[in-house]
Amino acid sequence: VHLYTMSGCWYYTEYPDQKQTAGCYIFEPGGSIHEFNTPVTN
C-alpha cells in the first residue's frame, strides 16, 4: 500500500506516537499487520 495523507491525522494502534498528518506518505509492505485510527480529537 502507498498511502498519502492530504488532511487530518491518523495513526496505527501499534505506533501511537507516529502520527500521520497532511503531506505525509507511508509505504506498507505486503505482510503488514496493523489497526488504523483517527483521533477522536481531530
PDB file of all heavy atoms in Angstrom:
ATOM      1  N   VAL A   1       0.859  -1.186   0.000  1.00  0.00           N
ATOM      2  CA  VAL A   1       0.000   0.000   0.000  1.00  0.00           C
ATOM      3  C   VAL A   1       0.895   1.235   0.000  1.00  0.00           C
ATOM      4  O   VAL A   1       1.872   1.299   0.742  1.00  0.00           O
ATOM      5  CB  VAL A   1      -0.932   0.043   1.235  1.00  0.00           C
ATOM      6  CG1 VAL A   1      -1.747   1.329   1.260  1.00  0.00           C
ATOM      7  CG2 VAL A   1      -1.831  -1.172   1.291  1.00  0.00           C
ATOM      8  N   HIS A   2       0.554   2.201  -0.844  1.00  0.00           N
ATOM      9  CA  HIS A   2       1.151   3.532  -0.819  1.00  0.00           C
ATOM     10  C   HIS A   2       0.032   4.448  -0.336  1.00  0.00           C
ATOM     11  O   HIS A   2      -1.019   4.521  -0.970  1.00  0.00           O
ATOM     12  CB  HIS A   2       1.603   3.969  -2.213  1.00  0.00           C
ATOM     13  CG  HIS A   2       2.632   3.063  -2.803  1.00  0.00           C
ATOM     14  ND1 HIS A   2       3.978   3.273  -2.627  1.00  0.00           N
ATOM     15  CD2 HIS A   2       2.514   1.942  -3.560  1.00  0.00           C
ATOM     16  CE1 HIS A   2       4.652   2.330  -3.259  1.00  0.00           C
ATOM     17  NE2 HIS A   2       3.782   1.500  -3.833  1.00  0.00           N
ATOM     18  N   LEU A   3       0.236   5.134   0.790  1.00  0.00           N
ATOM     19  CA  LEU A   3      -0.830   5.946   1.388  1.00  0.00           C
ATOM     20  C   LEU A   3      -0.346   7.377   1.582  1.00  0.00           C
ATOM     21  O   LEU A   3       0.699   7.612   2.190  1.00  0.00           O
ATOM     22  CB  LEU A   3      -1.240   5.347   2.738  1.00  0.00           C
ATOM     23  CG  LEU A   3      -2.539   5.865   3.333  1.00  0.00           C
ATOM     24  CD1 LEU A   3      -3.144   4.829   4.254  1.00  0.00           C
ATOM     25  CD2 LEU A   3      -2.372   7.165   4.066  1.00  0.00           C
ATOM     26  N   TYR A   4      -1.100   8.320   1.026  1.00  0.00           N
ATOM     27  CA  TYR A   4      -0.821   9.744   1.144  1.00  0.00           C
ATOM     28  C   TYR A   4      -1.904  10.372   2.013  1.00  0.00           C
ATOM     29  O   TYR A   4      -3.093  10.148   1.794  1.00  0.00           O
ATOM     30  CB  TYR A   4      -0.835  10.415  -0.230  1.00  0.00           C
ATOM     31  CG  TYR A   4       0.157   9.812  -1.189  1.00  0.00           C
ATOM     32  CD1 TYR A   4      -0.172   8.726  -1.979  1.00  0.00           C
ATOM     33  CD2 TYR A   4       1.448  10.332  -1.294  1.00  0.00           C
ATOM     34  CE1 TYR A   4       0.739   8.154  -2.854  1.00  0.00           C
ATOM     35  CE2 TYR A   4       2.373   9.773  -2.167  1.00  0.00           C
ATOM     36  CZ  TYR A   4       2.007   8.684  -2.942  1.00  0.00           C
ATOM     37  OH  TYR A   4       2.909   8.121  -3.803  1.00  0.00           O
ATOM     38  N   THR A   5      -1.505  11.159   2.995  1.00  0.00           N
ATOM     39  CA  THR A   5      -2.458  11.869   3.851  1.00  0.00           C
ATOM     40  C   THR A   5      -2.571  13.295   3.334  1.00  0.00           C
ATOM     41  O   THR A   5      -1.574  14.021   3.286  1.00  0.00           O
ATOM     42  CB  THR A   5      -1.986  11.850   5.313  1.00  0.00           C
ATOM     43  OG1 THR A   5      -1.792  10.502   5.717  1.00  0.00           O
ATOM     44  CG2 THR A   5      -3.009  12.524   6.222  1.00  0.00           C
ATOM     45  N   MET A   6      -3.788  13.676   2.941  1.00  0.00           N
ATOM     46  CA  MET A   6      -3.997  15.014   2.379  1.00  0.00           C
ATOM     47  C   MET A   6      -4.458  16.019   3.428  1.00  0.00           C
ATOM     48  O   MET A   6      -4.176  17.205   3.317  1.00  0.00           O
ATOM     49  CB  MET A   6      -4.972  14.932   1.212  1.00  0.00           C
ATOM     50  CG  MET A   6      -4.372  14.097   0.073  1.00  0.00           C
ATOM     51  SD  MET A   6      -5.369  14.009  -1.406  1.00  0.00           S
ATOM     52  CE  MET A   6      -6.698  12.954  -0.873  1.00  0.00           C
ATOM     53  N   SER A   7      -5.202  15.546   4.447  1.00  0.00           N
ATOM     54  CA  SER A   7      -5.593  16.410   5.560  1.00  0.00           C
ATOM     55  C   SER A   7      -5.936  15.529   6.758  1.00  0.00           C
ATOM     56  O   SER A   7      -6.126  14.319   6.626  1.00  0.00           O
ATOM     57  CB  SER A   7      -6.793  17.295   5.185  1.00  0.00           C
ATOM     58  OG  SER A   7      -7.960  16.507   5.023  1.00  0.00           O
ATOM     59  N   GLY A   8      -6.001  16.160   7.909  1.00  0.00           N
ATOM     60  CA  GLY A   8      -6.348  15.432   9.120  1.00  0.00           C
ATOM     61  C   GLY A   8      -5.157  14.708   9.719  1.00  0.00           C
ATOM     62  O   GLY A   8      -3.996  15.058   9.474  1.00  0.00           O
ATOM     63  N   CYS A   9      -5.458  13.680  10.507  1.00  0.00           N
ATOM     64  CA  CYS A   9      -4.428  12.952  11.235  1.00  0.00           C
ATOM     65  C   CYS A   9      -4.900  11.527  11.467  1.00  0.00           C
ATOM     66  O   CYS A   9      -6.090  11.291  11.705  1.00  0.00           O
ATOM     67  CB  CYS A   9      -4.196  13.644  12.586  1.00  0.00           C
ATOM     68  SG  CYS A   9      -3.057  12.792  13.688  1.00  0.00           S
ATOM     69  N   TRP A  10      -3.957  10.588  11.402  1.00  0.00           N
ATOM     70  CA  TRP A  10      -4.253   9.195  11.724  1.00  0.00           C
ATOM     71  C   TRP A  10      -2.985   8.536  12.252  1.00  0.00           C
ATOM     72  O   TRP A  10      -1.896   9.087  12.152  1.00  0.00           O
ATOM     73  CB  TRP A  10      -4.804   8.441  10.519  1.00  0.00           C
ATOM     74  CG  TRP A  10      -3.832   8.238   9.404  1.00  0.00           C
ATOM     75  CD1 TRP A  10      -3.593   9.104   8.370  1.00  0.00           C
ATOM     76  CD2 TRP A  10      -2.951   7.135   9.212  1.00  0.00           C
ATOM     77  NE1 TRP A  10      -2.611   8.590   7.546  1.00  0.00           N
ATOM     78  CE2 TRP A  10      -2.199   7.376   8.046  1.00  0.00           C
ATOM     79  CE3 TRP A  10      -2.714   5.946   9.909  1.00  0.00           C
ATOM     80  CZ2 TRP A  10      -1.239   6.503   7.563  1.00  0.00           C
ATOM     81  CZ3 TRP A  10      -1.765   5.064   9.428  1.00  0.00           C
ATOM     82  CH2 TRP A  10      -1.042   5.346   8.263  1.00  0.00           C
ATOM     83  N   TYR A  11      -3.157   7.342  12.831  1.00  0.00           N
ATOM     84  CA  TYR A  11      -2.025   6.591  13.362  1.00  0.00           C
ATOM     85  C   TYR A  11      -2.405   5.118  13.462  1.00  0.00           C
ATOM     86  O   TYR A  11      -3.577   4.758  13.416  1.00  0.00           O
ATOM     87  CB  TYR A  11      -1.603   7.118  14.741  1.00  0.00           C
ATOM     88  CG  TYR A  11      -2.671   6.943  15.790  1.00  0.00           C
ATOM     89  CD1 TYR A  11      -2.681   5.818  16.615  1.00  0.00           C
ATOM     90  CD2 TYR A  11      -3.694   7.878  15.949  1.00  0.00           C
ATOM     91  CE1 TYR A  11      -3.677   5.634  17.566  1.00  0.00           C
ATOM     92  CE2 TYR A  11      -4.683   7.704  16.884  1.00  0.00           C
ATOM     93  CZ  TYR A  11      -4.668   6.582  17.694  1.00  0.00           C
ATOM     94  OH  TYR A  11      -5.671   6.391  18.617  1.00  0.00           O
ATOM     95  N   TYR A  12      -1.387   4.266  13.599  1.00  0.00           N
ATOM     96  CA  TYR A  12      -1.618   2.850  13.873  1.00  0.00           C
ATOM     97  C   TYR A  12      -1.697   2.648  15.380  1.00  0.00           C
ATOM     98  O   TYR A  12      -0.912   3.252  16.127  1.00  0.00           O
ATOM     99  CB  TYR A  12      -0.467   1.988  13.340  1.00  0.00           C
ATOM    100  CG  TYR A  12      -0.248   2.029  11.861  1.00  0.00           C
ATOM    101  CD1 TYR A  12       0.974   2.413  11.343  1.00  0.00           C
ATOM    102  CD2 TYR A  12      -1.253   1.651  10.982  1.00  0.00           C
ATOM    103  CE1 TYR A  12       1.203   2.420   9.975  1.00  0.00           C
ATOM    104  CE2 TYR A  12      -1.031   1.665   9.611  1.00  0.00           C
ATOM    105  CZ  TYR A  12       0.193   2.055   9.122  1.00  0.00           C
ATOM    106  OH  TYR A  12       0.412   2.063   7.768  1.00  0.00           O
ATOM    107  N   THR A  13      -2.590   1.781  15.827  1.00  0.00           N
ATOM    108  CA  THR A  13      -2.669   1.437  17.243  1.00  0.00           C
ATOM    109  C   THR A  13      -1.304   1.012  17.762  1.00  0.00           C
ATOM    110  O   THR A  13      -0.906   1.360  18.876  1.00  0.00           O
ATOM    111  CB  THR A  13      -3.679   0.290  17.450  1.00  0.00           C
ATOM    112  OG1 THR A  13      -4.963   0.719  17.000  1.00  0.00           O
ATOM    113  CG2 THR A  13      -3.765  -0.140  18.899  1.00  0.00           C
ATOM    114  N   GLU A  14      -0.574   0.283  16.922  1.00  0.00           N
ATOM    115  CA  GLU A  14       0.728  -0.268  17.315  1.00  0.00           C
ATOM    116  C   GLU A  14       1.822   0.804  17.429  1.00  0.00           C
ATOM    117  O   GLU A  14       2.866   0.564  18.041  1.00  0.00           O
ATOM    118  CB  GLU A  14       1.173  -1.329  16.298  1.00  0.00           C
ATOM    119  CG  GLU A  14       0.227  -2.511  16.187  1.00  0.00           C
ATOM    120  CD  GLU A  14      -1.029  -2.226  15.340  1.00  0.00           C
ATOM    121  OE1 GLU A  14      -1.116  -1.175  14.665  1.00  0.00           O
ATOM    122  OE2 GLU A  14      -1.920  -3.082  15.371  1.00  0.00           O
ATOM    123  N   TYR A  15       1.600   1.966  16.823  1.00  0.00           N
ATOM    124  CA  TYR A  15       2.590   3.044  16.818  1.00  0.00           C
ATOM    125  C   TYR A  15       1.895   4.385  17.095  1.00  0.00           C
ATOM    126  O   TYR A  15       1.872   5.278  16.246  1.00  0.00           O
ATOM    127  CB  TYR A  15       3.321   3.110  15.474  1.00  0.00           C
ATOM    128  CG  TYR A  15       3.953   1.801  15.081  1.00  0.00           C
ATOM    129  CD1 TYR A  15       3.323   0.941  14.185  1.00  0.00           C
ATOM    130  CD2 TYR A  15       5.168   1.406  15.639  1.00  0.00           C
ATOM    131  CE1 TYR A  15       3.895  -0.282  13.839  1.00  0.00           C
ATOM    132  CE2 TYR A  15       5.750   0.192  15.300  1.00  0.00           C
ATOM    133  CZ  TYR A  15       5.102  -0.646  14.399  1.00  0.00           C
ATOM    134  OH  TYR A  15       5.666  -1.853  14.066  1.00  0.00           O
ATOM    135  N   PRO A  16       1.324   4.561  18.295  1.00  0.00           N
ATOM    136  CA  PRO A  16       0.519   5.764  18.557  1.00  0.00           C
ATOM    137  C   PRO A  16       1.301   7.070  18.506  1.00  0.00           C
ATOM    138  O   PRO A  16       0.704   8.130  18.317  1.00  0.00           O
ATOM    139  CB  PRO A  16      -0.025   5.507  19.960  1.00  0.00           C
ATOM    140  CG  PRO A  16       0.923   4.535  20.581  1.00  0.00           C
ATOM    141  CD  PRO A  16       1.426   3.685  19.447  1.00  0.00           C
ATOM    142  N   ASP A  17       2.621   7.011  18.640  1.00  0.00           N
ATOM    143  CA  ASP A  17       3.431   8.229  18.616  1.00  0.00           C
ATOM    144  C   ASP A  17       3.876   8.616  17.211  1.00  0.00           C
ATOM    145  O   ASP A  17       4.575   9.614  17.036  1.00  0.00           O
ATOM    146  CB  ASP A  17       4.658   8.069  19.517  1.00  0.00           C
ATOM    147  CG  ASP A  17       4.264   7.906  20.977  1.00  0.00           C
ATOM    148  OD1 ASP A  17       3.186   8.404  21.367  1.00  0.00           O
ATOM    149  OD2 ASP A  17       5.026   7.257  21.720  1.00  0.00           O
ATOM    150  N   GLN A  18       3.510   7.822  16.205  1.00  0.00           N
ATOM    151  CA  GLN A  18       3.896   8.114  14.821  1.00  0.00           C
ATOM    152  C   GLN A  18       2.681   8.602  14.040  1.00  0.00           C
ATOM    153  O   GLN A  18       2.182   7.942  13.134  1.00  0.00           O
ATOM    154  CB  GLN A  18       4.510   6.875  14.172  1.00  0.00           C
ATOM    155  CG  GLN A  18       5.804   6.454  14.828  1.00  0.00           C
ATOM    156  CD  GLN A  18       6.415   5.235  14.178  1.00  0.00           C
ATOM    157  OE1 GLN A  18       6.140   4.904  13.023  1.00  0.00           O
ATOM    158  NE2 GLN A  18       7.266   4.544  14.919  1.00  0.00           N
ATOM    159  N   LYS A  19       2.185   9.773  14.406  1.00  0.00           N
ATOM    160  CA  LYS A  19       1.004  10.350  13.764  1.00  0.00           C
ATOM    161  C   LYS A  19       1.326  10.731  12.321  1.00  0.00           C
ATOM    162  O   LYS A  19       2.382  11.269  12.016  1.00  0.00           O
ATOM    163  CB  LYS A  19       0.536  11.586  14.531  1.00  0.00           C
ATOM    164  CG  LYS A  19       0.230  11.339  16.009  1.00  0.00           C
ATOM    165  CD  LYS A  19      -1.183  10.980  16.227  1.00  0.00           C
ATOM    166  CE  LYS A  19      -1.650  10.989  17.654  1.00  0.00           C
ATOM    167  NZ  LYS A  19      -0.985  10.160  18.624  1.00  0.00           N
ATOM    168  N   GLN A  20       0.391  10.442  11.421  1.00  0.00           N
ATOM    169  CA  GLN A  20       0.484  10.807  10.013  1.00  0.00           C
ATOM    170  C   GLN A  20      -0.446  12.002   9.790  1.00  0.00           C
ATOM    171  O   GLN A  20      -1.626  11.942  10.139  1.00  0.00           O
ATOM    172  CB  GLN A  20       0.073   9.635   9.128  1.00  0.00           C
ATOM    173  CG  GLN A  20       0.876   8.372   9.378  1.00  0.00           C
ATOM    174  CD  GLN A  20       2.331   8.551   9.036  1.00  0.00           C
ATOM    175  OE1 GLN A  20       2.689   8.940   7.926  1.00  0.00           O
ATOM    176  NE2 GLN A  20       3.203   8.259   9.995  1.00  0.00           N
ATOM    177  N   THR A  21       0.079  13.077   9.232  1.00  0.00           N
ATOM    178  CA  THR A  21      -0.688  14.308   9.034  1.00  0.00           C
ATOM    179  C   THR A  21      -0.579  14.758   7.577  1.00  0.00           C
ATOM    180  O   THR A  21       0.109  14.133   6.774  1.00  0.00           O
ATOM    181  CB  THR A  21      -0.167  15.409   9.977  1.00  0.00           C
ATOM    182  OG1 THR A  21       1.223  15.609   9.716  1.00  0.00           O
ATOM    183  CG2 THR A  21      -0.366  15.043  11.446  1.00  0.00           C
ATOM    184  N   ALA A  22      -1.248  15.851   7.259  1.00  0.00           N
ATOM    185  CA  ALA A  22      -1.260  16.364   5.884  1.00  0.00           C
ATOM    186  C   ALA A  22       0.148  16.428   5.315  1.00  0.00           C
ATOM    187  O   ALA A  22       1.070  16.935   5.949  1.00  0.00           O
ATOM    188  CB  ALA A  22      -1.908  17.738   5.843  1.00  0.00           C
ATOM    189  N   GLY A  23       0.311  15.857   4.114  1.00  0.00           N
ATOM    190  CA  GLY A  23       1.598  15.846   3.437  1.00  0.00           C
ATOM    191  C   GLY A  23       2.421  14.592   3.686  1.00  0.00           C
ATOM    192  O   GLY A  23       3.435  14.385   3.027  1.00  0.00           O
ATOM    193  N   CYS A  24       1.996  13.742   4.619  1.00  0.00           N
ATOM    194  CA  CYS A  24       2.759  12.519   4.912  1.00  0.00           C
ATOM    195  C   CYS A  24       2.476  11.432   3.877  1.00  0.00           C
ATOM    196  O   CYS A  24       1.371  11.320   3.356  1.00  0.00           O
ATOM    197  CB  CYS A  24       2.393  11.978   6.299  1.00  0.00           C
ATOM    198  SG  CYS A  24       3.042  12.931   7.666  1.00  0.00           S
ATOM    199  N   TYR A  25       3.512  10.633   3.633  1.00  0.00           N
ATOM    200  CA  TYR A  25       3.416   9.445   2.782  1.00  0.00           C
ATOM    201  C   TYR A  25       3.933   8.270   3.600  1.00  0.00           C
ATOM    202  O   TYR A  25       4.918   8.397   4.328  1.00  0.00           O
ATOM    203  CB  TYR A  25       4.277   9.601   1.519  1.00  0.00           C
ATOM    204  CG  TYR A  25       4.609   8.290   0.856  1.00  0.00           C
ATOM    205  CD1 TYR A  25       3.681   7.661   0.033  1.00  0.00           C
ATOM    206  CD2 TYR A  25       5.831   7.659   1.073  1.00  0.00           C
ATOM    207  CE1 TYR A  25       3.975   6.443  -0.568  1.00  0.00           C
ATOM    208  CE2 TYR A  25       6.134   6.442   0.469  1.00  0.00           C
ATOM    209  CZ  TYR A  25       5.198   5.840  -0.340  1.00  0.00           C
ATOM    210  OH  TYR A  25       5.480   4.639  -0.925  1.00  0.00           O
ATOM    211  N   ILE A  26       3.249   7.132   3.491  1.00  0.00           N
ATOM    212  CA  ILE A  26       3.732   5.928   4.159  1.00  0.00           C
ATOM    213  C   ILE A  26       3.601   4.751   3.205  1.00  0.00           C
ATOM    214  O   ILE A  26       2.638   4.662   2.440  1.00  0.00           O
ATOM    215  CB  ILE A  26       2.981   5.675   5.492  1.00  0.00           C
ATOM    216  CG1 ILE A  26       3.727   4.644   6.332  1.00  0.00           C
ATOM    217  CG2 ILE A  26       1.547   5.278   5.268  1.00  0.00           C
ATOM    218  CD1 ILE A  26       3.309   4.635   7.791  1.00  0.00           C
ATOM    219  N   PHE A  27       4.602   3.870   3.255  1.00  0.00           N
ATOM    220  CA  PHE A  27       4.617   2.645   2.465  1.00  0.00           C
ATOM    221  C   PHE A  27       4.345   1.489   3.409  1.00  0.00           C
ATOM    222  O   PHE A  27       5.012   1.350   4.435  1.00  0.00           O
ATOM    223  CB  PHE A  27       5.979   2.468   1.794  1.00  0.00           C
ATOM    224  CG  PHE A  27       6.143   1.137   1.113  1.00  0.00           C
ATOM    225  CD1 PHE A  27       5.542   0.897  -0.110  1.00  0.00           C
ATOM    226  CD2 PHE A  27       6.888   0.127   1.699  1.00  0.00           C
ATOM    227  CE1 PHE A  27       5.690  -0.334  -0.748  1.00  0.00           C
ATOM    228  CE2 PHE A  27       7.047  -1.105   1.071  1.00  0.00           C
ATOM    229  CZ  PHE A  27       6.442  -1.335  -0.156  1.00  0.00           C
ATOM    230  N   GLU A  28       3.346   0.673   3.074  1.00  0.00           N
ATOM    231  CA  GLU A  28       3.032  -0.521   3.855  1.00  0.00           C
ATOM    232  C   GLU A  28       3.429  -1.735   3.013  1.00  0.00           C
ATOM    233  O   GLU A  28       2.813  -1.991   1.975  1.00  0.00           O
ATOM    234  CB  GLU A  28       1.545  -0.578   4.182  1.00  0.00           C
ATOM    235  CG  GLU A  28       1.058   0.581   5.006  1.00  0.00           C
ATOM    236  CD  GLU A  28      -0.452   0.559   5.243  1.00  0.00           C
ATOM    237  OE1 GLU A  28      -1.157  -0.283   4.636  1.00  0.00           O
ATOM    238  OE2 GLU A  28      -0.926   1.384   6.030  1.00  0.00           O
ATOM    239  N   PRO A  29       4.441  -2.482   3.430  1.00  0.00           N
ATOM    240  CA  PRO A  29       4.825  -3.662   2.661  1.00  0.00           C
ATOM    241  C   PRO A  29       3.797  -4.780   2.803  1.00  0.00           C
ATOM    242  O   PRO A  29       3.053  -4.829   3.794  1.00  0.00           O
ATOM    243  CB  PRO A  29       6.162  -4.071   3.275  1.00  0.00           C
ATOM    244  CG  PRO A  29       6.168  -3.480   4.637  1.00  0.00           C
ATOM    245  CD  PRO A  29       5.300  -2.261   4.584  1.00  0.00           C
ATOM    246  N   GLY A  30       3.737  -5.664   1.810  1.00  0.00           N
ATOM    247  CA  GLY A  30       2.894  -6.839   1.943  1.00  0.00           C
ATOM    248  C   GLY A  30       3.284  -7.593   3.202  1.00  0.00           C
ATOM    249  O   GLY A  30       4.462  -7.661   3.559  1.00  0.00           O
ATOM    250  N   GLY A  31       2.301  -8.131   3.892  1.00  0.00           N
ATOM    251  CA  GLY A  31       2.547  -8.832   5.147  1.00  0.00           C
ATOM    252  C   GLY A  31       2.388  -7.948   6.367  1.00  0.00           C
ATOM    253  O   GLY A  31       2.466  -8.434   7.490  1.00  0.00           O
ATOM    254  N   SER A  32       2.156  -6.645   6.163  1.00  0.00           N
ATOM    255  CA  SER A  32       1.941  -5.738   7.298  1.00  0.00           C
ATOM    256  C   SER A  32       0.658  -6.104   8.033  1.00  0.00           C
ATOM    257  O   SER A  32      -0.342  -6.471   7.417  1.00  0.00           O
ATOM    258  CB  SER A  32       1.820  -4.290   6.820  1.00  0.00           C
ATOM    259  OG  SER A  32       2.990  -3.848   6.205  1.00  0.00           O
ATOM    260  N   ILE A  33       0.701  -5.974   9.340  1.00  0.00           N
ATOM    261  CA  ILE A  33      -0.484  -6.193  10.180  1.00  0.00           C
ATOM    262  C   ILE A  33      -0.596  -4.988  11.098  1.00  0.00           C
ATOM    263  O   ILE A  33       0.361  -4.650  11.812  1.00  0.00           O
ATOM    264  CB  ILE A  33      -0.353  -7.478  11.021  1.00  0.00           C
ATOM    265  CG1 ILE A  33      -0.154  -8.691  10.129  1.00  0.00           C
ATOM    266  CG2 ILE A  33      -1.569  -7.643  11.924  1.00  0.00           C
ATOM    267  CD1 ILE A  33       0.167  -9.968  10.883  1.00  0.00           C
ATOM    268  N   HIS A  34      -1.761  -4.331  11.085  1.00  0.00           N
ATOM    269  CA  HIS A  34      -1.947  -3.148  11.927  1.00  0.00           C
ATOM    270  C   HIS A  34      -3.420  -2.765  12.015  1.00  0.00           C
ATOM    271  O   HIS A  34      -4.266  -3.333  11.334  1.00  0.00           O
ATOM    272  CB  HIS A  34      -1.117  -1.965  11.407  1.00  0.00           C
ATOM    273  CG  HIS A  34      -1.261  -1.755   9.945  1.00  0.00           C
ATOM    274  ND1 HIS A  34      -0.214  -1.913   9.071  1.00  0.00           N
ATOM    275  CD2 HIS A  34      -2.330  -1.432   9.178  1.00  0.00           C
ATOM    276  CE1 HIS A  34      -0.628  -1.673   7.844  1.00  0.00           C
ATOM    277  NE2 HIS A  34      -1.909  -1.383   7.889  1.00  0.00           N
ATOM    278  N   GLU A  35      -3.671  -1.761  12.868  1.00  0.00           N
ATOM    279  CA  GLU A  35      -5.019  -1.226  13.072  1.00  0.00           C
ATOM    280  C   GLU A  35      -4.944   0.289  12.887  1.00  0.00           C
ATOM    281  O   GLU A  35      -4.142   0.959  13.536  1.00  0.00           O
ATOM    282  CB  GLU A  35      -5.484  -1.584  14.489  1.00  0.00           C
ATOM    283  CG  GLU A  35      -6.912  -1.255  14.783  1.00  0.00           C
ATOM    284  CD  GLU A  35      -7.289  -1.743  16.170  1.00  0.00           C
ATOM    285  OE1 GLU A  35      -6.698  -1.260  17.159  1.00  0.00           O
ATOM    286  OE2 GLU A  35      -8.175  -2.608  16.267  1.00  0.00           O
ATOM    287  N   PHE A  36      -5.765   0.824  12.007  1.00  0.00           N
ATOM    288  CA  PHE A  36      -5.783   2.242  11.615  1.00  0.00           C
ATOM    289  C   PHE A  36      -6.750   3.002  12.508  1.00  0.00           C
ATOM    290  O   PHE A  36      -7.878   2.537  12.750  1.00  0.00           O
ATOM    291  CB  PHE A  36      -6.228   2.320  10.155  1.00  0.00           C
ATOM    292  CG  PHE A  36      -6.419   3.695   9.594  1.00  0.00           C
ATOM    293  CD1 PHE A  36      -5.452   4.255   8.784  1.00  0.00           C
ATOM    294  CD2 PHE A  36      -7.575   4.416   9.847  1.00  0.00           C
ATOM    295  CE1 PHE A  36      -5.638   5.512   8.230  1.00  0.00           C
ATOM    296  CE2 PHE A  36      -7.769   5.670   9.307  1.00  0.00           C
ATOM    297  CZ  PHE A  36      -6.797   6.223   8.492  1.00  0.00           C
ATOM    298  N   ASN A  37      -6.348   4.192  12.973  1.00  0.00           N
ATOM    299  CA  ASN A  37      -7.204   5.032  13.832  1.00  0.00           C
ATOM    300  C   ASN A  37      -7.125   6.495  13.420  1.00  0.00           C
ATOM    301  O   ASN A  37      -6.050   6.973  13.048  1.00  0.00           O
ATOM    302  CB  ASN A  37      -6.711   4.993  15.285  1.00  0.00           C
ATOM    303  CG  ASN A  37      -6.718   3.621  15.870  1.00  0.00           C
ATOM    304  OD1 ASN A  37      -7.718   3.189  16.394  1.00  0.00           O
ATOM    305  ND2 ASN A  37      -5.599   2.922  15.778  1.00  0.00           N
ATOM    306  N   THR A  38      -8.237   7.202  13.560  1.00  0.00           N
ATOM    307  CA  THR A  38      -8.210   8.659  13.519  1.00  0.00           C
ATOM    308  C   THR A  38      -8.545   9.136  14.929  1.00  0.00           C
ATOM    309  O   THR A  38      -9.488   8.628  15.555  1.00  0.00           O
ATOM    310  CB  THR A  38      -9.224   9.238  12.512  1.00  0.00           C
ATOM    311  OG1 THR A  38     -10.536   8.780  12.827  1.00  0.00           O
ATOM    312  CG2 THR A  38      -8.858   8.844  11.082  1.00  0.00           C
ATOM    313  N   PRO A  39      -7.775  10.083  15.463  1.00  0.00           N
ATOM    314  CA  PRO A  39      -8.040  10.548  16.823  1.00  0.00           C
ATOM    315  C   PRO A  39      -9.436  11.161  16.950  1.00  0.00           C
ATOM    316  O   PRO A  39      -9.892  11.873  16.052  1.00  0.00           O
ATOM    317  CB  PRO A  39      -6.967  11.612  17.066  1.00  0.00           C
ATOM    318  CG  PRO A  39      -5.880  11.304  16.082  1.00  0.00           C
ATOM    319  CD  PRO A  39      -6.585  10.719  14.888  1.00  0.00           C
ATOM    320  N   VAL A  40     -10.083  10.883  18.051  1.00  0.00           N
ATOM    321  CA  VAL A  40     -11.396  11.471  18.312  1.00  0.00           C
ATOM    322  C   VAL A  40     -11.288  12.988  18.430  1.00  0.00           C
ATOM    323  O   VAL A  40     -12.261  13.709  18.217  1.00  0.00           O
ATOM    324  CB  VAL A  40     -12.037  10.824  19.566  1.00  0.00           C
ATOM    325  CG1 VAL A  40     -11.332  11.251  20.832  1.00  0.00           C
ATOM    326  CG2 VAL A  40     -13.521  11.093  19.623  1.00  0.00           C
ATOM    327  N   THR A  41     -10.093  13.488  18.724  1.00  0.00           N
ATOM    328  CA  THR A  41      -9.865  14.928  18.871  1.00  0.00           C
ATOM    329  C   THR A  41      -9.645  15.651  17.540  1.00  0.00           C
ATOM    330  O   THR A  41      -9.519  16.875  17.533  1.00  0.00           O
ATOM    331  CB  THR A  41      -8.635  15.173  19.774  1.00  0.00           C
ATOM    332  OG1 THR A  41      -7.515  14.474  19.214  1.00  0.00           O
ATOM    333  CG2 THR A  41      -8.891  14.687  21.198  1.00  0.00           C
ATOM    334  N   ASN A  42      -9.607  14.905  16.422  1.00  0.00           N
ATOM    335  CA  ASN A  42      -9.473  15.577  15.113  1.00  0.00           C
ATOM    336  C   ASN A  42     -10.592  16.589  14.946  1.00  0.00           C
ATOM    337  O   ASN A  42     -11.750  16.318  15.300  1.00  0.00           O
ATOM    338  CB  ASN A  42      -9.558  14.556  13.972  1.00  0.00           C
ATOM    339  CG  ASN A  42      -8.232  13.895  13.665  1.00  0.00           C
ATOM    340  OD1 ASN A  42      -7.248  14.122  14.340  1.00  0.00           O
ATOM    341  ND2 ASN A  42      -8.223  13.040  12.645  1.00  0.00           N
TER     342      ASN A  42
END
